[in-house]
Amino acid sequence: MNVPPVLLSGNHEVVRLWRRKQALINTLNKRRDMLDSADLSEEDIKLMKVIKEETTI
């Protein structure tokens, strides 16, 4: 199994953001309805914009 390079970087903030982004992607794929009513932080909203831009391509 390959480990994403971001997890090997040692930068805890980048790893935290990567993990949060992955959690949002999983929720978006499995329970999109939960995100509609969720109280998202500003950081989560920014990550959701990034996710939408990446998946639109």
N, C-alpha and C. Protein backbone atom coordinates (compact mmCIF):
# COMPACT_ATOMS: atom_id res chain seq x y z
N MET A 1 0.83 -1.16 0.00
CA MET A 1 0.00 0.00 0.00
C MET A 1 0.90 1.25 0.00
N ASN A 2 0.56 2.21 -0.80
CA ASN A 2 1.32 3.45 -0.86
C ASN A 2 0.80 4.46 0.15
N VAL A 3 1.72 5.18 0.75
CA VAL A 3 1.36 6.23 1.71
C VAL A 3 1.44 7.57 0.99
N PRO A 4 0.41 8.40 1.10
CA PRO A 4 0.46 9.72 0.47
C PRO A 4 1.66 10.51 1.00
N PRO A 5 2.40 11.17 0.11
CA PRO A 5 3.59 11.92 0.53
C PRO A 5 3.31 12.96 1.61
N VAL A 6 2.11 13.52 1.62
CA VAL A 6 1.78 14.52 2.63
C VAL A 6 1.88 13.94 4.04
N LEU A 7 1.57 12.66 4.19
CA LEU A 7 1.64 12.04 5.51
C LEU A 7 3.07 11.79 5.96
N LEU A 8 3.98 11.76 5.03
CA LEU A 8 5.39 11.55 5.34
C LEU A 8 6.15 12.85 5.50
N SER A 9 5.47 13.96 5.26
CA SER A 9 6.14 15.26 5.25
C SER A 9 6.61 15.71 6.62
N GLY A 10 5.94 15.30 7.66
CA GLY A 10 6.28 15.74 9.00
C GLY A 10 5.66 17.07 9.39
N ASN A 11 4.95 17.70 8.46
CA ASN A 11 4.29 18.97 8.73
C ASN A 11 2.90 18.68 9.31
N HIS A 12 2.76 18.85 10.60
CA HIS A 12 1.53 18.45 11.29
C HIS A 12 0.31 19.23 10.81
N GLU A 13 0.47 20.48 10.49
CA GLU A 13 -0.65 21.29 10.02
C GLU A 13 -1.14 20.80 8.66
N VAL A 14 -0.22 20.50 7.78
CA VAL A 14 -0.58 20.00 6.44
C VAL A 14 -1.26 18.64 6.56
N VAL A 15 -0.74 17.79 7.44
CA VAL A 15 -1.34 16.47 7.66
C VAL A 15 -2.76 16.63 8.21
N ARG A 16 -2.95 17.54 9.17
CA ARG A 16 -4.27 17.78 9.75
C ARG A 16 -5.27 18.23 8.69
N LEU A 17 -4.84 19.16 7.84
CA LEU A 17 -5.73 19.63 6.77
C LEU A 17 -6.04 18.53 5.77
N TRP A 18 -5.06 17.70 5.45
CA TRP A 18 -5.26 16.60 4.51
C TRP A 18 -6.28 15.62 5.08
N ARG A 19 -6.14 15.31 6.37
CA ARG A 19 -7.08 14.37 7.00
C ARG A 19 -8.50 14.94 7.05
N ARG A 20 -8.61 16.21 7.35
CA ARG A 20 -9.93 16.84 7.39
C ARG A 20 -10.56 16.84 6.00
N LYS A 21 -9.76 17.13 5.00
CA LYS A 21 -10.25 17.13 3.61
C LYS A 21 -10.73 15.74 3.23
N GLN A 22 -9.98 14.71 3.60
CA GLN A 22 -10.38 13.34 3.29
C GLN A 22 -11.69 12.98 3.99
N ALA A 23 -11.86 13.45 5.24
CA ALA A 23 -13.10 13.20 5.97
C ALA A 23 -14.28 13.86 5.28
N LEU A 24 -14.09 15.09 4.81
CA LEU A 24 -15.16 15.78 4.09
C LEU A 24 -15.49 15.07 2.78
N ILE A 25 -14.48 14.59 2.08
CA ILE A 25 -14.70 13.86 0.82
C ILE A 25 -15.50 12.59 1.10
N ASN A 26 -15.13 11.86 2.16
CA ASN A 26 -15.86 10.63 2.50
C ASN A 26 -17.32 10.93 2.85
N THR A 27 -17.54 11.98 3.61
CA THR A 27 -18.91 12.35 3.96
C THR A 27 -19.68 12.79 2.72
N LEU A 28 -19.03 13.52 1.85
CA LEU A 28 -19.67 13.97 0.61
C LEU A 28 -20.08 12.77 -0.24
N ASN A 29 -19.24 11.76 -0.31
CA ASN A 29 -19.53 10.58 -1.11
C ASN A 29 -20.57 9.66 -0.49
N LYS A 30 -20.58 9.57 0.84
CA LYS A 30 -21.45 8.61 1.51
C LYS A 30 -22.73 9.21 2.07
N ARG A 31 -22.65 10.43 2.61
CA ARG A 31 -23.81 11.06 3.25
C ARG A 31 -23.87 12.54 2.93
N ARG A 32 -24.05 12.85 1.67
CA ARG A 32 -24.11 14.24 1.22
C ARG A 32 -25.17 15.04 1.99
N ASP A 33 -26.25 14.37 2.36
CA ASP A 33 -27.33 15.04 3.09
C ASP A 33 -26.87 15.59 4.44
N MET A 34 -25.90 14.96 5.06
CA MET A 34 -25.40 15.43 6.35
C MET A 34 -24.66 16.76 6.20
N LEU A 35 -23.98 16.94 5.08
CA LEU A 35 -23.24 18.18 4.86
C LEU A 35 -24.19 19.36 4.63
N ASP A 36 -25.36 19.07 4.09
CA ASP A 36 -26.32 20.15 3.83
C ASP A 36 -26.78 20.82 5.12
N SER A 37 -26.90 20.04 6.19
CA SER A 37 -27.38 20.60 7.45
C SER A 37 -26.26 20.79 8.48
N ALA A 38 -25.02 20.52 8.10
CA ALA A 38 -23.90 20.62 9.04
C ALA A 38 -23.51 22.07 9.29
N ASP A 39 -23.03 22.32 10.48
CA ASP A 39 -22.51 23.63 10.85
C ASP A 39 -21.00 23.62 10.57
N LEU A 40 -20.62 23.96 9.34
CA LEU A 40 -19.22 23.88 8.92
C LEU A 40 -18.44 25.11 9.34
N SER A 41 -17.19 24.89 9.70
CA SER A 41 -16.31 26.01 10.05
C SER A 41 -15.88 26.72 8.77
N GLU A 42 -15.27 27.86 8.93
CA GLU A 42 -14.76 28.59 7.76
C GLU A 42 -13.72 27.75 7.02
N GLU A 43 -12.90 27.04 7.79
CA GLU A 43 -11.88 26.17 7.19
C GLU A 43 -12.53 25.06 6.37
N ASP A 44 -13.61 24.46 6.91
CA ASP A 44 -14.33 23.41 6.19
C ASP A 44 -14.94 23.94 4.90
N ILE A 45 -15.47 25.15 4.96
CA ILE A 45 -16.07 25.75 3.77
C ILE A 45 -15.01 25.96 2.69
N LYS A 46 -13.82 26.42 3.10
CA LYS A 46 -12.73 26.59 2.14
C LYS A 46 -12.31 25.25 1.55
N LEU A 47 -12.23 24.22 2.40
CA LEU A 47 -11.87 22.89 1.91
C LEU A 47 -12.92 22.35 0.95
N MET A 48 -14.20 22.62 1.23
CA MET A 48 -15.26 22.16 0.34
C MET A 48 -15.15 22.84 -1.03
N LYS A 49 -14.77 24.11 -1.04
CA LYS A 49 -14.57 24.80 -2.32
C LYS A 49 -13.44 24.15 -3.10
N VAL A 50 -12.36 23.80 -2.42
CA VAL A 50 -11.23 23.13 -3.07
C VAL A 50 -11.66 21.78 -3.62
N ILE A 51 -12.42 21.04 -2.82
CA ILE A 51 -12.90 19.72 -3.25
C ILE A 51 -13.77 19.85 -4.49
N LYS A 52 -14.67 20.81 -4.49
CA LYS A 52 -15.55 21.01 -5.65
C LYS A 52 -14.77 21.40 -6.89
N GLU A 53 -13.74 22.25 -6.73
CA GLU A 53 -12.91 22.64 -7.87
C GLU A 53 -12.15 21.42 -8.40
N GLU A 54 -11.65 20.59 -7.53
CA GLU A 54 -10.88 19.43 -7.97
C GLU A 54 -11.75 18.39 -8.66
N THR A 55 -12.99 18.23 -8.21
CA THR A 55 -13.85 17.22 -8.81
C THR A 55 -14.55 17.72 -10.07
N THR A 56 -14.59 19.02 -10.28
CA THR A 56 -15.23 19.58 -11.47
C THR A 56 -14.36 19.40 -12.70
N ILE A 57 -13.07 19.32 -12.49
CA ILE A 57 -12.12 19.24 -13.62
C ILE A 57 -12.31 18.03 -14.45
